[in-house]
Amino acid sequence: MRKRRKCARIHVHDQSWYLSPTLQKCCEKHYHWNLHECLGSLFVGTEKWYPEWGTDTCVQDCEGASPCGGAAESWNDLYSSRDQCCTMRFSWNKEVCMGSAAVDVGSAQWYVSWGSHTCVQDCVGASPCGGLAENWDQLFSSKSNCCDEKLPWVAKCETL
């Protein structure tokens, strides 16, 4: 979460060049680009859409659950719709941006992780997941079956 920049906090540090007769005037003068945060007022948002670069998606300028992404920064370009934002900023990956791409979560079956000499689950997440199996990986219904058939020489395969 970003730190709030409030003129009231700056007064505590006694930096006289930030002193103003009122909080409103201080915020308007020094934080006009982020007035609602400076004043400590509740964020309402524009409900417009902006790119969230790390995820190749567009989120709304609002607080709350998805698709809200919090307050847009002053440098964010705002768009009237998710479609417009995705088209302008993520045209090469529009299905993911729009949330319409199928997400592969795996089969939950087991395959050999040759690097660790054990069997892992075909899924994404914490252990026992080993990531998504490749098309050449042979899948098994249980870790025990995988270990018995593919790694019979590894004594502790099932406990690794």
Protein backbone atom coordinates (compact mmCIF):
# COMPACT_ATOMS: atom_id res chain seq x y z
CA MET A 1 0.00 0.00 0.00
CA ARG A 2 1.28 3.45 -0.84
CA LYS A 3 2.05 5.94 1.92
CA ARG A 4 -0.37 8.79 2.14
CA ARG A 5 1.14 12.20 1.65
CA LYS A 6 -0.70 14.62 3.84
CA CYS A 7 0.25 18.18 4.50
CA ALA A 8 -0.66 17.56 8.14
CA ARG A 9 2.17 15.03 8.38
CA ILE A 10 4.59 17.39 6.73
CA HIS A 11 3.76 20.07 9.31
CA VAL A 12 4.99 17.67 11.99
CA HIS A 13 8.42 17.67 10.34
CA ASP A 14 8.33 21.49 10.47
CA GLN A 15 9.29 22.08 6.88
CA SER A 16 8.13 25.67 6.68
CA TRP A 17 7.93 25.73 2.89
CA TYR A 18 4.94 23.35 3.20
CA LEU A 19 3.14 25.45 5.78
CA SER A 20 -0.18 26.88 4.68
CA PRO A 21 -3.02 28.51 6.57
CA THR A 22 -5.27 25.44 6.01
CA LEU A 23 -4.92 21.80 5.07
CA GLN A 24 -7.02 22.41 1.97
CA LYS A 25 -4.69 25.16 0.73
CA CYS A 26 -1.59 23.11 1.48
CA CYS A 27 -2.92 20.10 -0.41
CA GLU A 28 -4.07 22.20 -3.35
CA LYS A 29 -0.63 23.84 -3.59
CA HIS A 30 1.66 20.84 -3.05
CA TYR A 31 -0.40 17.74 -3.87
CA HIS A 32 -2.92 18.91 -6.47
CA TRP A 33 -2.21 15.70 -8.42
CA ASN A 34 -3.41 13.56 -5.48
CA LEU A 35 -5.74 15.84 -3.58
CA HIS A 36 -8.08 13.17 -2.17
CA GLU A 37 -5.19 11.32 -0.48
CA CYS A 38 -3.63 14.46 0.89
CA LEU A 39 -6.91 15.56 2.41
CA GLY A 40 -7.53 12.06 3.73
CA SER A 41 -10.91 12.03 2.07
CA LEU A 42 -12.62 8.86 0.97
CA PHE A 43 -11.63 7.69 -2.47
CA VAL A 44 -14.52 7.50 -4.90
CA GLY A 45 -12.76 6.79 -8.19
CA THR A 46 -13.75 7.48 -11.74
CA GLU A 47 -14.81 3.91 -12.55
CA LYS A 48 -12.71 4.23 -15.71
CA TRP A 49 -10.18 1.57 -16.73
CA TYR A 50 -6.39 1.68 -16.68
CA PRO A 51 -3.61 -0.82 -17.52
CA GLU A 52 -2.04 -2.91 -14.77
CA TRP A 53 1.23 -3.66 -16.53
CA GLY A 54 2.50 -6.54 -14.43
CA THR A 55 -0.55 -8.68 -15.13
CA ASP A 56 -1.40 -7.63 -18.71
CA THR A 57 -4.89 -6.70 -17.57
CA CYS A 58 -6.95 -3.57 -17.21
CA VAL A 59 -8.50 -2.66 -13.86
CA GLN A 60 -11.01 -0.07 -12.76
CA ASP A 61 -10.23 3.15 -10.94
CA CYS A 62 -12.21 2.15 -7.83
CA GLU A 63 -11.81 0.49 -4.42
CA GLY A 64 -13.09 -3.00 -3.71
CA ALA A 65 -12.95 -6.44 -5.22
CA SER A 66 -11.94 -7.22 -8.78
CA PRO A 67 -12.16 -5.60 -11.29
CA CYS A 68 -11.28 -2.63 -9.04
CA GLY A 69 -7.56 -1.92 -8.93
CA GLY A 70 -7.50 0.98 -6.49
CA ALA A 71 -6.79 4.58 -7.32
CA ALA A 72 -5.28 5.22 -10.71
CA GLU A 73 -2.06 7.20 -10.61
CA SER A 74 -1.91 10.59 -12.28
CA TRP A 75 0.22 9.13 -15.10
CA ASN A 76 -2.24 6.31 -15.92
CA ASP A 77 -4.18 6.70 -19.14
CA LEU A 78 -7.89 6.16 -18.40
CA TYR A 79 -10.33 4.43 -20.74
CA SER A 80 -14.10 4.31 -20.72
CA SER A 81 -14.28 0.50 -20.99
CA ARG A 82 -12.19 -2.59 -20.34
CA ASP A 83 -12.42 -3.44 -24.04
CA GLN A 84 -10.99 -0.06 -25.05
CA CYS A 85 -8.17 -0.33 -22.47
CA CYS A 86 -7.27 -3.89 -23.52
CA THR A 87 -7.36 -2.99 -27.21
CA MET A 88 -5.13 0.05 -26.73
CA ARG A 89 -2.64 -1.40 -24.23
CA PHE A 90 -2.67 -5.21 -24.57
CA SER A 91 -3.78 -5.94 -28.13
CA TRP A 92 -1.25 -8.81 -28.36
CA ASN A 93 -2.80 -10.48 -25.30
CA LYS A 94 -6.38 -9.25 -25.37
CA GLU A 95 -8.00 -12.54 -24.28
CA VAL A 96 -5.98 -12.56 -21.07
CA CYS A 97 -6.62 -8.86 -20.53
CA MET A 98 -10.37 -9.31 -20.93
CA GLY A 99 -10.35 -12.32 -18.61
CA SER A 100 -11.68 -14.61 -21.31
CA ALA A 101 -8.61 -16.81 -21.78
CA ALA A 102 -8.91 -20.31 -20.48
CA VAL A 103 -6.59 -20.86 -17.56
CA ASP A 104 -5.01 -24.30 -17.42
CA VAL A 105 -4.96 -25.52 -13.82
CA GLY A 106 -3.64 -28.99 -14.61
CA SER A 107 -5.07 -32.47 -14.24
CA ALA A 108 -4.04 -33.07 -10.58
CA GLN A 109 -2.42 -36.31 -11.74
CA TRP A 110 1.22 -37.16 -10.97
CA TYR A 111 4.39 -37.10 -13.09
CA VAL A 112 8.16 -37.43 -12.55
CA SER A 113 10.24 -34.42 -11.66
CA TRP A 114 13.58 -35.77 -12.81
CA GLY A 115 15.53 -32.94 -11.21
CA SER A 116 14.28 -33.78 -7.72
CA HIS A 117 13.88 -37.55 -8.24
CA THR A 118 10.32 -37.59 -7.01
CA CYS A 119 6.80 -37.40 -8.38
CA VAL A 120 4.89 -34.14 -8.38
CA GLN A 121 1.32 -33.17 -9.12
CA ASP A 122 0.22 -31.63 -12.42
CA CYS A 123 -0.95 -28.32 -10.96
CA VAL A 124 0.19 -24.79 -10.24
CA GLY A 125 0.85 -23.76 -6.65
CA ALA A 126 2.69 -24.95 -3.57
CA SER A 127 4.01 -28.48 -3.09
CA PRO A 128 3.00 -31.14 -4.06
CA CYS A 129 2.30 -29.17 -7.26
CA GLY A 130 5.21 -29.25 -9.66
CA GLY A 131 3.79 -26.99 -12.32
CA LEU A 132 1.92 -28.06 -15.41
CA ALA A 133 3.05 -31.33 -16.96
CA GLU A 134 4.48 -31.25 -20.46
CA ASN A 135 2.73 -33.24 -23.20
CA TRP A 136 5.53 -35.85 -23.08
CA ASP A 137 5.18 -36.48 -19.31
CA GLN A 138 3.44 -39.74 -18.46
CA LEU A 139 0.68 -39.11 -15.93
CA PHE A 140 -0.34 -41.36 -13.04
CA SER A 141 -3.41 -41.38 -10.81
CA SER A 142 -1.36 -41.39 -7.59
CA LYS A 143 2.09 -40.48 -6.33
CA SER A 144 2.55 -44.09 -5.27
CA ASN A 145 1.89 -45.39 -8.81
CA CYS A 146 4.23 -42.79 -10.30
CA CYS A 147 7.05 -43.65 -7.88
CA ASP A 148 6.60 -47.41 -8.30
CA GLU A 149 6.63 -47.29 -12.10
CA LYS A 150 9.12 -44.52 -12.85
CA LEU A 151 11.43 -44.27 -9.82
CA PRO A 152 11.57 -47.73 -8.20
CA TRP A 153 15.24 -47.20 -7.19
CA VAL A 154 14.43 -44.06 -5.13
CA ALA A 155 13.64 -45.45 -1.69
CA LYS A 156 11.98 -42.30 -0.31
CA CYS A 157 10.21 -41.14 -3.48
CA GLU A 158 6.80 -41.13 -1.84
CA THR A 159 7.95 -39.04 1.11
CA LEU A 160 9.94 -36.44 -0.82
